[in-house]
């Protein structure tokens, strides 16, 4: 049971207690109250594009035939709770898709010096503030940290696997100036890019074998 589900049930239980138990509304007024509740439910389903016409017919039938509308109220409560769960599932699905789209965008654009939170937000058609907060919540690091970490990982790969000049590697991972890249690399790795390359390319000396004449 989600937190939203619990809140929905508490709210409806409070409405039931106030209108059915404390105020002792006449049966006709109780039926009108539940009818309004069902009408609200229909509107919510329409807005969410949830089609449950059979459920609605059942609720309305119960409302018209029951001596007491509590059964219809209880069923409406269950339906509201189901919709609440559906909203949570949709939100989770949207969040998964959004973080996937954001990470994909970063991985495609990390080599561009103009990659920024603003550019990503524009690309994803969401606000900068929302993306900043959302990204930190989903990944545990802020946007700029993630980008820098990715760039450093790519730089380490190039330093280990190629003999490209430092300035070329800097440009390939999104830095206009090699000095800015070198500062970022040392900040993240604790050693310079040159030292990292020397260590990565250093091979253990082969054992010397003396051949007897």
C-alpha atoms as a PDB file:
ATOM      1  CA  UNK A   1       0.000   0.000   0.000  1.00  0.00           C
ATOM      2  CA  UNK A   2       1.549   3.273  -1.128  1.00  0.00           C
ATOM      3  CA  UNK A   3       1.621   6.454   0.897  1.00  0.00           C
ATOM      4  CA  UNK A   4      -0.743   8.069  -1.595  1.00  0.00           C
ATOM      5  CA  UNK A   5      -3.110   5.098  -1.241  1.00  0.00           C
ATOM      6  CA  UNK A   6      -3.122   5.487   2.543  1.00  0.00           C
ATOM      7  CA  UNK A   7      -3.826   9.214   2.286  1.00  0.00           C
ATOM      8  CA  UNK A   8      -6.752   8.606  -0.088  1.00  0.00           C
ATOM      9  CA  UNK A   9      -8.265   6.023   2.233  1.00  0.00           C
ATOM     10  CA  UNK A  10      -7.846   8.275   5.278  1.00  0.00           C
ATOM     11  CA  UNK A  11      -9.479  11.204   3.489  1.00  0.00           C
ATOM     12  CA  UNK A  12     -12.461   9.159   2.343  1.00  0.00           C
ATOM     13  CA  UNK A  13     -12.810   7.515   5.756  1.00  0.00           C
ATOM     14  CA  UNK A  14     -12.911  10.982   7.289  1.00  0.00           C
ATOM     15  CA  UNK A  15     -15.600  12.077   4.819  1.00  0.00           C
ATOM     16  CA  UNK A  16     -17.638   8.975   5.582  1.00  0.00           C
ATOM     17  CA  UNK A  17     -17.360   9.450   9.328  1.00  0.00           C
ATOM     18  CA  UNK A  18     -18.336  13.119   9.132  1.00  0.00           C
ATOM     19  CA  UNK A  19     -21.279  12.715   6.761  1.00  0.00           C
ATOM     20  CA  UNK A  20     -22.644   9.277   7.642  1.00  0.00           C
ATOM     21  CA  UNK A  21     -21.856   8.735  11.304  1.00  0.00           C
ATOM     22  CA  UNK A  22     -21.662  12.175  12.887  1.00  0.00           C
ATOM     23  CA  UNK A  23     -24.230  14.132  10.880  1.00  0.00           C
ATOM     24  CA  UNK A  24     -26.658  11.228  10.387  1.00  0.00           C
ATOM     25  CA  UNK A  25     -27.747  12.404   6.961  1.00  0.00           C
ATOM     26  CA  UNK A  26     -31.060  11.054   5.629  1.00  0.00           C
ATOM     27  CA  UNK A  27     -30.750   8.117   3.247  1.00  0.00           C
ATOM     28  CA  UNK A  28     -31.572  10.298   0.238  1.00  0.00           C
ATOM     29  CA  UNK A  29     -28.805  12.752   1.183  1.00  0.00           C
ATOM     30  CA  UNK A  30     -26.368   9.896   1.702  1.00  0.00           C
ATOM     31  CA  UNK A  31     -27.191   8.611  -1.769  1.00  0.00           C
ATOM     32  CA  UNK A  32     -26.634  12.073  -3.258  1.00  0.00           C
ATOM     33  CA  UNK A  33     -23.320  12.349  -1.445  1.00  0.00           C
ATOM     34  CA  UNK A  34     -22.101   9.035  -2.836  1.00  0.00           C
ATOM     35  CA  UNK A  35     -23.452   9.987  -6.269  1.00  0.00           C
ATOM     36  CA  UNK A  36     -21.273  13.114  -6.149  1.00  0.00           C
ATOM     37  CA  UNK A  37     -18.334  10.941  -5.132  1.00  0.00           C
ATOM     38  CA  UNK A  38     -18.925   8.591  -8.049  1.00  0.00           C
ATOM     39  CA  UNK A  39     -19.205  11.596 -10.374  1.00  0.00           C
ATOM     40  CA  UNK A  40     -15.843  12.808  -9.127  1.00  0.00           C
ATOM     41  CA  UNK A  41     -14.450   9.340  -9.735  1.00  0.00           C
ATOM     42  CA  UNK A  42     -15.731   9.371 -13.323  1.00  0.00           C
ATOM     43  CA  UNK A  43     -14.039  12.742 -13.947  1.00  0.00           C
ATOM     44  CA  UNK A  44     -10.741  11.505 -12.521  1.00  0.00           C
ATOM     45  CA  UNK A  45     -10.862   8.387 -14.686  1.00  0.00           C
ATOM     46  CA  UNK A  46     -11.612  10.461 -17.783  1.00  0.00           C
ATOM     47  CA  UNK A  47      -8.713  12.807 -17.047  1.00  0.00           C
ATOM     48  CA  UNK A  48      -6.374   9.862 -16.610  1.00  0.00           C
ATOM     49  CA  UNK A  49      -7.872   8.130 -19.654  1.00  0.00           C
ATOM     50  CA  UNK A  50      -8.842   5.149 -17.507  1.00  0.00           C
ATOM     51  CA  UNK A  51     -11.816   3.349 -18.961  1.00  0.00           C
ATOM     52  CA  UNK A  52     -13.703   1.335 -16.346  1.00  0.00           C
ATOM     53  CA  UNK A  53     -17.289   1.751 -17.473  1.00  0.00           C
ATOM     54  CA  UNK A  54     -18.327  -1.637 -16.048  1.00  0.00           C
ATOM     55  CA  UNK A  55     -17.142  -0.555 -12.590  1.00  0.00           C
ATOM     56  CA  UNK A  56     -19.117   2.668 -12.878  1.00  0.00           C
ATOM     57  CA  UNK A  57     -22.300   0.866 -13.889  1.00  0.00           C
ATOM     58  CA  UNK A  58     -21.904  -1.475 -10.925  1.00  0.00           C
ATOM     59  CA  UNK A  59     -21.414   1.420  -8.512  1.00  0.00           C
ATOM     60  CA  UNK A  60     -24.444   3.278  -9.844  1.00  0.00           C
ATOM     61  CA  UNK A  61     -26.560   0.123  -9.700  1.00  0.00           C
ATOM     62  CA  UNK A  62     -25.544  -0.475  -6.088  1.00  0.00           C
ATOM     63  CA  UNK A  63     -26.363   3.113  -5.265  1.00  0.00           C
ATOM     64  CA  UNK A  64     -29.860   2.791  -6.714  1.00  0.00           C
ATOM     65  CA  UNK A  65     -30.778  -0.558  -5.184  1.00  0.00           C
ATOM     66  CA  UNK A  66     -29.059  -0.624  -1.785  1.00  0.00           C
ATOM     67  CA  UNK A  67     -30.974   0.340   1.328  1.00  0.00           C
ATOM     68  CA  UNK A  68     -27.755   1.917   2.553  1.00  0.00           C
ATOM     69  CA  UNK A  69     -25.130   3.438   0.233  1.00  0.00           C
ATOM     70  CA  UNK A  70     -22.181   2.258   2.328  1.00  0.00           C
ATOM     71  CA  UNK A  71     -21.409  -0.592  -0.078  1.00  0.00           C
ATOM     72  CA  UNK A  72     -21.240   1.833  -2.987  1.00  0.00           C
ATOM     73  CA  UNK A  73     -19.104   4.195  -0.888  1.00  0.00           C
ATOM     74  CA  UNK A  74     -16.721   1.360   0.028  1.00  0.00           C
ATOM     75  CA  UNK A  75     -16.433   0.275  -3.596  1.00  0.00           C
ATOM     76  CA  UNK A  76     -15.818   3.858  -4.678  1.00  0.00           C
ATOM     77  CA  UNK A  77     -13.094   4.084  -2.034  1.00  0.00           C
ATOM     78  CA  UNK A  78     -11.451   0.946  -3.429  1.00  0.00           C
ATOM     79  CA  UNK A  79     -11.608   2.380  -6.933  1.00  0.00           C
ATOM     80  CA  UNK A  80     -10.034   5.652  -5.807  1.00  0.00           C
ATOM     81  CA  UNK A  81      -7.267   3.632  -4.128  1.00  0.00           C
ATOM     82  CA  UNK A  82      -6.691   1.669  -7.348  1.00  0.00           C
ATOM     83  CA  UNK A  83      -6.448   4.904  -9.321  1.00  0.00           C
ATOM     84  CA  UNK A  84      -4.006   6.232  -6.731  1.00  0.00           C
ATOM     85  CA  UNK A  85      -1.813   3.170  -7.220  1.00  0.00           C
ATOM     86  CA  UNK A  86      -2.087   3.611 -10.978  1.00  0.00           C
ATOM     87  CA  UNK A  87      -0.901   7.215 -10.660  1.00  0.00           C
ATOM     88  CA  UNK A  88       2.113   6.037  -8.638  1.00  0.00           C
ATOM     89  CA  UNK A  89       2.945   3.403 -11.261  1.00  0.00           C
ATOM     90  CA  UNK A  90       2.673   5.942 -14.066  1.00  0.00           C
ATOM     91  CA  UNK A  91       4.859   8.398 -12.178  1.00  0.00           C
ATOM     92  CA  UNK A  92       7.480   5.725 -11.547  1.00  0.00           C
ATOM     93  CA  UNK A  93       7.400   4.732 -15.209  1.00  0.00           C
ATOM     94  CA  UNK A  94       7.802   8.371 -16.288  1.00  0.00           C
ATOM     95  CA  UNK A  95      10.678   8.827 -13.848  1.00  0.00           C
ATOM     96  CA  UNK A  96      12.462   5.752 -15.191  1.00  0.00           C
ATOM     97  CA  UNK A  97      12.048   7.020 -18.752  1.00  0.00           C
ATOM     98  CA  UNK A  98      13.164  10.542 -17.875  1.00  0.00           C
ATOM     99  CA  UNK A  99      16.360   9.471 -16.117  1.00  0.00           C
ATOM    100  CA  UNK A 100      17.105   7.101 -19.002  1.00  0.00           C
ATOM    101  CA  UNK A 101      16.606   9.896 -21.533  1.00  0.00           C
ATOM    102  CA  UNK A 102      18.752  12.270 -19.474  1.00  0.00           C
ATOM    103  CA  UNK A 103      21.626   9.818 -19.114  1.00  0.00           C
ATOM    104  CA  UNK A 104      21.424   8.921 -22.817  1.00  0.00           C
ATOM    105  CA  UNK A 105      21.616  12.614 -23.703  1.00  0.00           C
ATOM    106  CA  UNK A 106      24.677  13.111 -21.486  1.00  0.00           C
ATOM    107  CA  UNK A 107      26.438  10.079 -22.957  1.00  0.00           C
ATOM    108  CA  UNK A 108      25.824  11.370 -26.470  1.00  0.00           C
ATOM    109  CA  UNK A 109      26.837  14.951 -25.689  1.00  0.00           C
ATOM    110  CA  UNK A 110      29.681  14.646 -23.167  1.00  0.00           C
ATOM    111  CA  UNK A 111      32.194  15.475 -25.901  1.00  0.00           C
ATOM    112  CA  UNK A 112      30.530  18.834 -26.543  1.00  0.00           C
ATOM    113  CA  UNK A 113      31.927  21.724 -24.519  1.00  0.00           C
ATOM    114  CA  UNK A 114      28.505  23.394 -24.407  1.00  0.00           C
ATOM    115  CA  UNK A 115      26.861  20.471 -22.592  1.00  0.00           C
ATOM    116  CA  UNK A 116      25.077  21.957 -19.593  1.00  0.00           C
ATOM    117  CA  UNK A 117      22.079  21.564 -17.336  1.00  0.00           C
ATOM    118  CA  UNK A 118      20.308  24.270 -19.350  1.00  0.00           C
ATOM    119  CA  UNK A 119      20.959  22.471 -22.633  1.00  0.00           C
ATOM    120  CA  UNK A 120      19.737  19.157 -21.232  1.00  0.00           C
ATOM    121  CA  UNK A 121      16.594  20.744 -19.792  1.00  0.00           C
ATOM    122  CA  UNK A 122      15.814  22.380 -23.142  1.00  0.00           C
ATOM    123  CA  UNK A 123      16.359  19.076 -24.939  1.00  0.00           C
ATOM    124  CA  UNK A 124      14.062  17.228 -22.531  1.00  0.00           C
ATOM    125  CA  UNK A 125      11.506  20.056 -22.510  1.00  0.00           C
ATOM    126  CA  UNK A 126      11.491  20.436 -18.728  1.00  0.00           C
ATOM    127  CA  UNK A 127      12.617  23.204 -16.397  1.00  0.00           C
ATOM    128  CA  UNK A 128      16.229  23.530 -15.302  1.00  0.00           C
ATOM    129  CA  UNK A 129      15.238  23.554 -11.641  1.00  0.00           C
ATOM    130  CA  UNK A 130      13.148  20.407 -11.923  1.00  0.00           C
ATOM    131  CA  UNK A 131      15.861  18.527 -13.832  1.00  0.00           C
ATOM    132  CA  UNK A 132      18.514  19.529 -11.294  1.00  0.00           C
ATOM    133  CA  UNK A 133      16.487  18.260  -8.344  1.00  0.00           C
ATOM    134  CA  UNK A 134      15.202  15.174 -10.160  1.00  0.00           C
ATOM    135  CA  UNK A 135      18.672  14.134 -11.364  1.00  0.00           C
ATOM    136  CA  UNK A 136      20.173  14.427  -7.882  1.00  0.00           C
ATOM    137  CA  UNK A 137      17.308  12.403  -6.388  1.00  0.00           C
ATOM    138  CA  UNK A 138      17.674   9.642  -8.971  1.00  0.00           C
ATOM    139  CA  UNK A 139      21.485   9.345  -9.170  1.00  0.00           C
ATOM    140  CA  UNK A 140      22.781  10.675  -5.856  1.00  0.00           C
ATOM    141  CA  UNK A 141      25.059  13.195  -7.592  1.00  0.00           C
ATOM    142  CA  UNK A 142      24.330  16.516  -9.223  1.00  0.00           C
ATOM    143  CA  UNK A 143      24.301  16.987 -12.981  1.00  0.00           C
ATOM    144  CA  UNK A 144      27.717  18.637 -13.279  1.00  0.00           C
ATOM    145  CA  UNK A 145      29.357  15.955 -11.115  1.00  0.00           C
ATOM    146  CA  UNK A 146      27.921  13.208 -13.281  1.00  0.00           C
ATOM    147  CA  UNK A 147      29.125  14.895 -16.464  1.00  0.00           C
ATOM    148  CA  UNK A 148      32.622  15.452 -15.089  1.00  0.00           C
ATOM    149  CA  UNK A 149      32.885  11.872 -13.821  1.00  0.00           C
ATOM    150  CA  UNK A 150      31.835  10.543 -17.219  1.00  0.00           C
ATOM    151  CA  UNK A 151      34.324  12.785 -19.005  1.00  0.00           C
ATOM    152  CA  UNK A 152      37.115  11.629 -16.699  1.00  0.00           C
ATOM    153  CA  UNK A 153      36.246   7.975 -17.310  1.00  0.00           C
ATOM    154  CA  UNK A 154      36.374   8.540 -21.062  1.00  0.00           C
ATOM    155  CA  UNK A 155      39.640  10.464 -20.712  1.00  0.00           C
ATOM    156  CA  UNK A 156      41.218   7.634 -18.710  1.00  0.00           C
ATOM    157  CA  UNK A 157      40.226   5.208 -21.422  1.00  0.00           C
ATOM    158  CA  UNK A 158      41.882   7.371 -24.082  1.00  0.00           C
ATOM    159  CA  UNK A 159      44.978   7.908 -21.933  1.00  0.00           C
ATOM    160  CA  UNK A 160      45.311   4.160 -21.424  1.00  0.00           C
ATOM    161  CA  UNK A 161      44.572   3.021 -24.961  1.00  0.00           C
ATOM    162  CA  UNK A 162      46.038   5.758 -27.169  1.00  0.00           C
ATOM    163  CA  UNK A 163      48.993   8.093 -27.509  1.00  0.00           C
ATOM    164  CA  UNK A 164      46.850  11.078 -28.395  1.00  0.00           C
ATOM    165  CA  UNK A 165      48.176  14.404 -27.102  1.00  0.00           C
ATOM    166  CA  UNK A 166      46.551  15.630 -23.890  1.00  0.00           C
ATOM    167  CA  UNK A 167      45.023  18.607 -25.699  1.00  0.00           C
ATOM    168  CA  UNK A 168      43.294  16.296 -28.198  1.00  0.00           C
ATOM    169  CA  UNK A 169      41.924  14.099 -25.423  1.00  0.00           C
ATOM    170  CA  UNK A 170      40.693  17.198 -23.608  1.00  0.00           C
ATOM    171  CA  UNK A 171      38.762  18.302 -26.686  1.00  0.00           C
ATOM    172  CA  UNK A 172      37.321  14.838 -27.275  1.00  0.00           C
ATOM    173  CA  UNK A 173      35.829  14.735 -23.783  1.00  0.00           C
ATOM    174  CA  UNK A 174      34.352  18.233 -23.908  1.00  0.00           C
ATOM    175  CA  UNK A 175      37.021  20.707 -22.790  1.00  0.00           C
ATOM    176  CA  UNK A 176      38.062  23.687 -24.900  1.00  0.00           C
ATOM    177  CA  UNK A 177      41.189  24.291 -22.834  1.00  0.00           C
ATOM    178  CA  UNK A 178      43.589  21.512 -21.888  1.00  0.00           C
ATOM    179  CA  UNK A 179      44.467  23.422 -18.704  1.00  0.00           C
ATOM    180  CA  UNK A 180      40.845  23.180 -17.521  1.00  0.00           C
ATOM    181  CA  UNK A 181      40.836  19.477 -18.344  1.00  0.00           C
ATOM    182  CA  UNK A 182      44.097  18.884 -16.479  1.00  0.00           C
ATOM    183  CA  UNK A 183      42.784  20.609 -13.353  1.00  0.00           C
ATOM    184  CA  UNK A 184      39.582  18.578 -13.476  1.00  0.00           C
ATOM    185  CA  UNK A 185      41.512  15.351 -14.000  1.00  0.00           C
ATOM    186  CA  UNK A 186      43.835  15.935 -11.058  1.00  0.00           C
ATOM    187  CA  UNK A 187      40.920  17.002  -8.886  1.00  0.00           C
ATOM    188  CA  UNK A 188      39.093  13.764  -9.609  1.00  0.00           C
ATOM    189  CA  UNK A 189      42.009  11.331  -9.794  1.00  0.00           C
ATOM    190  CA  UNK A 190      44.607  12.759  -7.450  1.00  0.00           C
ATOM    191  CA  UNK A 191      47.304  12.594 -10.116  1.00  0.00           C
ATOM    192  CA  UNK A 192      47.938  14.412 -13.371  1.00  0.00           C
ATOM    193  CA  UNK A 193      46.747  13.099 -16.710  1.00  0.00           C
ATOM    194  CA  UNK A 194      50.370  12.665 -17.790  1.00  0.00           C
ATOM    195  CA  UNK A 195      51.198  10.630 -14.695  1.00  0.00           C
ATOM    196  CA  UNK A 196      48.093   8.506 -15.216  1.00  0.00           C
ATOM    197  CA  UNK A 197      49.164   7.783 -18.790  1.00  0.00           C
ATOM    198  CA  UNK A 198      52.701   6.869 -17.699  1.00  0.00           C
ATOM    199  CA  UNK A 199      51.338   4.404 -15.153  1.00  0.00           C
ATOM    200  CA  UNK A 200      48.817   2.951 -17.609  1.00  0.00           C
ATOM    201  CA  UNK A 201      51.450   2.408 -20.306  1.00  0.00           C
ATOM    202  CA  UNK A 202      54.157   1.148 -18.001  1.00  0.00           C
ATOM    203  CA  UNK A 203      54.761  -2.559 -18.536  1.00  0.00           C
ATOM    204  CA  UNK A 204      56.643  -4.870 -16.217  1.00  0.00           C
ATOM    205  CA  UNK A 205      60.156  -5.570 -17.392  1.00  0.00           C
ATOM    206  CA  UNK A 206      60.607  -8.900 -19.099  1.00  0.00           C
ATOM    207  CA  UNK A 207      62.883 -11.336 -17.239  1.00  0.00           C
ATOM    208  CA  UNK A 208      66.366 -11.614 -18.691  1.00  0.00           C
ATOM    209  CA  UNK A 209      67.407 -15.028 -19.703  1.00  0.00           C
ATOM    210  CA  UNK A 210      71.104 -15.670 -20.113  1.00  0.00           C
ATOM    211  CA  UNK A 211      71.912 -18.048 -22.905  1.00  0.00           C
ATOM    212  CA  UNK A 212      74.932 -20.198 -22.314  1.00  0.00           C
ATOM    213  CA  UNK A 213      77.419 -20.131 -25.091  1.00  0.00           C
END
